[in-house]
Structures are given as C-alpha cells and as structure tokens.
Amino acid sequence: MNQGYVKLWRKSMEGGWLTNPKLWTFWCWCLMKASHKEYDLIVGCQKVHLMPGDFIFGLNKASEELEMSVRSIRTVFDFLKKSKNATSKTTNKFSVVSIVNWDVYQSNEIENDKQNDKPPTSHRQATDNKQTHKNVKNKTYTDEFLSFWSAYPKKIGKDAAWKAWNGRNEDRPEIRFILDALNQQKSSEQWTRNHGQYIPYPSKWLNQGWWANEVEIKKQQETW
C-alpha cells in the first residue's frame, strides 16, 4: 500500500483545485491512501473487502495525518462527494471511501508502456482484433471490461457479461461514459430499493445498452 505511484490528471488545473491548498492536499492524500488492488482488510474484528480505489477513512485520523482541522476535512470531503469525485459508505465505526473512475485514470504504468510500443494506428486494428479473439477463447478479460465489472453492483454471470461486452464492440461508448452512467444508476430508486433486487444482470445491462440515456446526460460534464 505504501509503494508505487499515483497519477494526477491535468484537468485538475483547469478546475482551480491547485488554488485551494486544503482541497488539493486532501485530494492527493486520498489518491495515495486508495488501494491499487482488490483485497480484504481487517478493521478491528471486522473484515472489509476493498476494491481498487477504496480506502478506510476516519475524520480524526485524516485530521491528524494532514494537520488540518476536522471541520476543514469535512468541508473538502463534502466537496469531493458533491462533485462526484468520491463516494463513501459509512458504518458506525468508519467509512469506506471510493475514488470515482479510479480504474480509468489510474491505469497500470506497465500496461501504458506496452500501449506506447504498439505499431501505428494503421496497423493496430488487425492486432487488436486478434487480441480480442484470443481473450474470448482464453477468458482473459480486458482492462476496460474489468473496470466495468468492478463498478457494477451485481456481480453475477461474469462470462455472460464478457460475451455481451464483446457483442457490443461496434456501438459501445467509451468506458468513462459507461462508468458515469453506472454511477448515476447506482443511486436510482430502482437500483437501491429492496437491497438491489431489481438491478439487472450485467449481461442484460450491456446487451440492452442501458448506458444510453445516462451517457447522453453525462457527455456534457466530466467528473474529473
């Protein structure tokens, strides 16, 4: 958890975050606290399952580590949640904070290096197609699909979802629009009532293109 690097997206400069020292300090702290992989963490006598981009959060602990008042921490944290850069789930002892779109903006450096070594675009299409067929056969999922799967709240039928994902290659929007649509739908009444009973299977969500209406809304605004 204390090794490696995190990325800072340049759009932060456009949003004026650098001119707000408390906000910028807290945001960078969140990025460095977030897990880079899925794992189980024991907190007290409770096991907490963390996904990439998640971390355990407490106001007093953050105040101590950042040397900021609890009030200041609460203010900047509320801003991050309102701007949809972070979400949180609270228990009676702690909160689990999730960085929105972590998988999109904190992709692996090694994978990016490999992408930079790819041939020019004119020769890349055939290579990408071959790789896609190989992935289907060996069930080696792509990073974008894994980002979708990580964000989807009902993890049932992964292979069926993978098949549906590849079936919509021609008209599927960019992953960031898909994740934005999911973030909206997660808080909808249909998805939250009865403990998520009415959340569709991920394969159905993909096959029927349930991202469409949400994507049209979110195309006009970026979350980062």
Protein backbone atom coordinates (compact mmCIF):
# COMPACT_ATOMS: atom_id res chain seq x y z
CA MET A 1 0.00 0.00 0.00
CA ASN A 2 2.91 2.40 0.64
CA GLN A 3 4.78 1.64 -2.58
CA GLY A 4 4.30 2.68 -6.20
CA TYR A 5 2.87 5.82 -7.75
CA VAL A 6 -0.43 7.57 -8.41
CA LYS A 7 -1.34 9.80 -11.35
CA LEU A 8 -2.55 13.38 -11.23
CA TRP A 9 -4.88 14.34 -14.04
CA ARG A 10 -4.07 17.69 -15.68
CA LYS A 11 -7.70 18.77 -15.74
CA SER A 12 -7.34 19.45 -12.02
CA MET A 13 -5.52 22.64 -13.01
CA GLU A 14 -8.49 23.82 -15.07
CA GLY A 15 -10.90 23.31 -12.17
CA GLY A 16 -8.95 25.59 -9.86
CA TRP A 17 -8.05 22.84 -7.43
CA LEU A 18 -4.42 23.95 -7.20
CA THR A 19 -5.50 27.33 -5.87
CA ASN A 20 -7.29 25.64 -2.97
CA PRO A 21 -4.43 24.20 -0.88
CA LYS A 22 -6.66 22.28 1.54
CA LEU A 23 -8.68 20.67 -1.25
CA TRP A 24 -5.58 19.78 -3.27
CA THR A 25 -3.77 18.37 -0.24
CA PHE A 26 -6.75 16.27 0.78
CA TRP A 27 -7.34 15.01 -2.78
CA CYS A 28 -3.72 13.90 -3.21
CA TRP A 29 -3.90 12.24 0.21
CA CYS A 30 -6.99 10.31 -0.90
CA LEU A 31 -5.25 9.11 -4.06
CA MET A 32 -2.26 7.88 -2.07
CA LYS A 33 -4.44 6.19 0.55
CA ALA A 34 -6.51 4.31 -2.06
CA SER A 35 -5.84 0.65 -2.68
CA HIS A 36 -4.37 -0.30 -6.06
CA LYS A 37 -5.80 -3.81 -5.93
CA GLU A 38 -8.74 -5.81 -4.59
CA TYR A 39 -8.16 -7.30 -1.14
CA ASP A 40 -9.65 -7.94 2.31
CA LEU A 41 -8.64 -5.74 5.25
CA ILE A 42 -9.31 -6.48 8.91
CA VAL A 43 -10.55 -3.40 10.78
CA GLY A 44 -10.97 -4.21 14.43
CA CYS A 45 -12.86 -7.50 14.35
CA GLN A 46 -14.50 -6.80 11.00
CA LYS A 47 -13.35 -7.91 7.56
CA VAL A 48 -13.72 -5.19 4.93
CA HIS A 49 -13.49 -6.02 1.23
CA LEU A 50 -11.77 -3.19 -0.64
CA MET A 51 -11.77 -2.70 -4.38
CA PRO A 52 -9.16 -0.69 -6.34
CA GLY A 53 -9.65 2.97 -5.41
CA ASP A 54 -11.11 2.22 -1.96
CA PHE A 55 -9.68 3.08 1.45
CA ILE A 56 -10.74 3.22 5.08
CA PHE A 57 -11.47 6.78 6.18
CA GLY A 58 -11.92 8.50 9.51
CA LEU A 59 -12.19 12.25 10.10
CA ASN A 60 -9.95 12.28 13.17
CA LYS A 61 -7.27 10.14 11.52
CA ALA A 62 -7.27 12.31 8.40
CA SER A 63 -7.08 15.44 10.55
CA GLU A 64 -4.08 14.02 12.40
CA GLU A 65 -2.19 12.92 9.29
CA LEU A 66 -2.84 16.11 7.31
CA GLU A 67 -2.59 18.53 10.24
CA MET A 68 -5.92 20.04 9.23
CA SER A 69 -8.97 20.67 11.37
CA VAL A 70 -11.82 18.17 11.33
CA ARG A 71 -14.06 20.93 10.04
CA SER A 72 -11.75 21.59 7.09
CA ILE A 73 -11.54 17.87 6.30
CA ARG A 74 -15.31 17.59 6.37
CA THR A 75 -15.69 20.62 4.08
CA VAL A 76 -13.30 19.42 1.35
CA PHE A 77 -14.59 15.86 1.58
CA ASP A 78 -18.17 17.05 1.08
CA PHE A 79 -16.96 18.94 -2.00
CA LEU A 80 -15.41 15.78 -3.47
CA LYS A 81 -18.65 13.89 -2.95
CA LYS A 82 -20.82 16.64 -4.42
CA SER A 83 -18.53 16.93 -7.44
CA LYS A 84 -18.76 13.12 -7.85
CA ASN A 85 -15.04 12.55 -7.48
CA ALA A 86 -15.54 10.32 -4.45
CA THR A 87 -18.26 8.34 -2.71
CA SER A 88 -18.42 6.87 0.78
CA LYS A 89 -20.20 4.14 2.69
CA THR A 90 -20.37 4.70 6.44
CA THR A 91 -20.57 2.22 9.29
CA ASN A 92 -20.86 3.01 12.99
CA LYS A 93 -17.05 2.92 13.32
CA PHE A 94 -15.56 4.01 9.99
CA SER A 95 -16.22 4.86 6.35
CA VAL A 96 -15.08 3.26 3.12
CA VAL A 97 -14.23 5.92 0.56
CA SER A 98 -14.18 5.08 -3.16
CA ILE A 99 -12.42 7.21 -5.76
CA VAL A 100 -14.77 7.54 -8.74
CA ASN A 101 -13.37 6.19 -12.03
CA TRP A 102 -10.18 5.01 -10.34
CA ASP A 103 -9.66 2.23 -12.90
CA VAL A 104 -9.90 4.70 -15.77
CA TYR A 105 -7.49 7.34 -14.53
CA GLN A 106 -5.05 5.21 -12.50
CA SER A 107 -4.27 2.53 -15.11
CA ASN A 108 -1.10 0.48 -14.73
CA GLU A 109 2.11 2.16 -15.89
CA ILE A 110 3.45 -1.05 -17.40
CA GLU A 111 0.30 -1.51 -19.46
CA ASN A 112 0.62 2.04 -20.74
CA ASP A 113 4.21 1.41 -21.73
CA LYS A 114 3.10 -1.61 -23.73
CA GLN A 115 0.46 0.51 -25.45
CA ASN A 116 3.11 3.06 -26.40
CA ASP A 117 5.15 0.29 -28.02
CA LYS A 118 2.25 -0.75 -30.26
CA PRO A 119 2.53 -0.19 -34.02
CA PRO A 120 0.91 2.89 -35.59
CA THR A 121 -2.87 3.08 -35.77
CA SER A 122 -3.00 1.89 -39.39
CA HIS A 123 -1.53 -1.49 -38.29
CA ARG A 124 -3.11 -1.64 -34.85
CA GLN A 125 -6.65 -2.61 -35.89
CA ALA A 126 -5.70 -6.11 -37.03
CA THR A 127 -3.57 -6.68 -33.94
CA ASP A 128 -6.36 -5.54 -31.61
CA ASN A 129 -8.85 -7.81 -33.35
CA LYS A 130 -6.56 -10.82 -32.95
CA GLN A 131 -6.09 -9.98 -29.29
CA THR A 132 -9.84 -9.74 -28.77
CA HIS A 133 -10.38 -13.24 -30.22
CA LYS A 134 -7.62 -14.59 -28.04
CA ASN A 135 -9.21 -13.01 -24.99
CA VAL A 136 -12.60 -14.56 -25.77
CA LYS A 137 -11.08 -18.00 -26.15
CA ASN A 138 -8.91 -17.87 -23.03
CA LYS A 139 -11.25 -15.66 -20.97
CA THR A 140 -8.51 -13.11 -20.41
CA TYR A 141 -10.55 -10.01 -19.76
CA THR A 142 -9.52 -6.56 -20.98
CA ASP A 143 -8.81 -3.70 -18.58
CA GLU A 144 -11.89 -1.80 -19.70
CA PHE A 145 -14.16 -4.76 -19.09
CA LEU A 146 -12.63 -5.30 -15.65
CA SER A 147 -13.27 -1.63 -14.87
CA PHE A 148 -16.92 -2.13 -15.79
CA TRP A 149 -17.13 -5.36 -13.80
CA SER A 150 -15.52 -3.74 -10.77
CA ALA A 151 -18.03 -0.86 -10.84
CA TYR A 152 -21.13 -3.00 -11.48
CA PRO A 153 -23.00 -3.66 -8.21
CA LYS A 154 -24.43 -7.10 -9.11
CA LYS A 155 -21.55 -9.43 -9.92
CA ILE A 156 -23.41 -12.36 -11.44
CA GLY A 157 -22.57 -14.08 -14.73
CA LYS A 158 -19.12 -12.70 -15.50
CA ASP A 159 -18.59 -14.83 -18.61
CA ALA A 160 -22.04 -13.87 -19.93
CA ALA A 161 -21.20 -10.22 -19.31
CA TRP A 162 -17.88 -10.64 -21.12
CA LYS A 163 -19.68 -12.13 -24.11
CA ALA A 164 -22.17 -9.25 -24.10
CA TRP A 165 -19.31 -6.76 -23.79
CA ASN A 166 -17.65 -8.08 -26.93
CA GLY A 167 -21.00 -8.28 -28.69
CA ARG A 168 -21.39 -4.51 -28.35
CA ASN A 169 -17.89 -3.60 -29.56
CA GLU A 170 -19.24 -1.70 -32.56
CA ASP A 171 -21.58 0.66 -30.70
CA ARG A 172 -20.35 0.56 -27.10
CA PRO A 173 -19.34 4.04 -25.84
CA GLU A 174 -16.05 4.85 -24.14
CA ILE A 175 -15.52 3.29 -20.73
CA ARG A 176 -15.71 6.64 -18.94
CA PHE A 177 -19.25 7.20 -20.22
CA ILE A 178 -20.25 3.70 -19.16
CA LEU A 179 -18.86 4.28 -15.66
CA ASP A 180 -20.60 7.64 -15.43
CA ALA A 181 -23.90 6.00 -16.37
CA LEU A 182 -23.37 3.31 -13.74
CA ASN A 183 -22.59 5.89 -11.07
CA GLN A 184 -25.90 7.60 -11.76
CA GLN A 185 -27.92 4.41 -11.87
CA LYS A 186 -26.43 3.09 -8.63
CA SER A 187 -28.19 5.86 -6.73
CA SER A 188 -31.52 5.50 -8.54
CA GLU A 189 -34.59 4.28 -6.69
CA GLN A 190 -34.87 1.18 -8.88
CA TRP A 191 -31.35 0.01 -8.02
CA THR A 192 -31.37 0.88 -4.32
CA ARG A 193 -34.75 -0.47 -3.21
CA ASN A 194 -35.12 -3.93 -1.71
CA HIS A 195 -31.34 -4.31 -1.33
CA GLY A 196 -30.71 -4.12 -5.07
CA GLN A 197 -33.25 -6.78 -6.01
CA TYR A 198 -34.15 -5.00 -9.24
CA ILE A 199 -30.63 -4.37 -10.51
CA PRO A 200 -30.37 -6.15 -13.89
CA TYR A 201 -27.73 -8.76 -14.57
CA PRO A 202 -24.63 -7.12 -16.10
CA SER A 203 -25.05 -9.09 -19.35
CA LYS A 204 -28.59 -7.76 -19.74
CA TRP A 205 -27.41 -4.21 -18.97
CA LEU A 206 -24.84 -4.48 -21.73
CA ASN A 207 -26.97 -6.30 -24.28
CA GLN A 208 -29.78 -3.76 -23.98
CA GLY A 209 -27.45 -0.74 -23.92
CA TRP A 210 -28.74 0.63 -20.63
CA TRP A 211 -25.97 3.20 -20.62
CA ALA A 212 -27.58 5.22 -23.42
CA ASN A 213 -29.78 7.77 -21.65
CA GLU A 214 -27.28 8.39 -18.87
CA VAL A 215 -24.43 8.79 -21.34
CA GLU A 216 -26.31 11.49 -23.22
CA ILE A 217 -26.57 13.45 -19.97
CA LYS A 218 -23.02 12.92 -18.80
CA LYS A 219 -21.31 13.72 -22.08
CA GLN A 220 -21.65 17.39 -21.19
CA GLN A 221 -19.74 17.10 -17.92
CA GLU A 222 -16.59 15.37 -16.77
CA THR A 223 -16.25 14.01 -13.24
CA TRP A 224 -12.54 14.82 -13.00
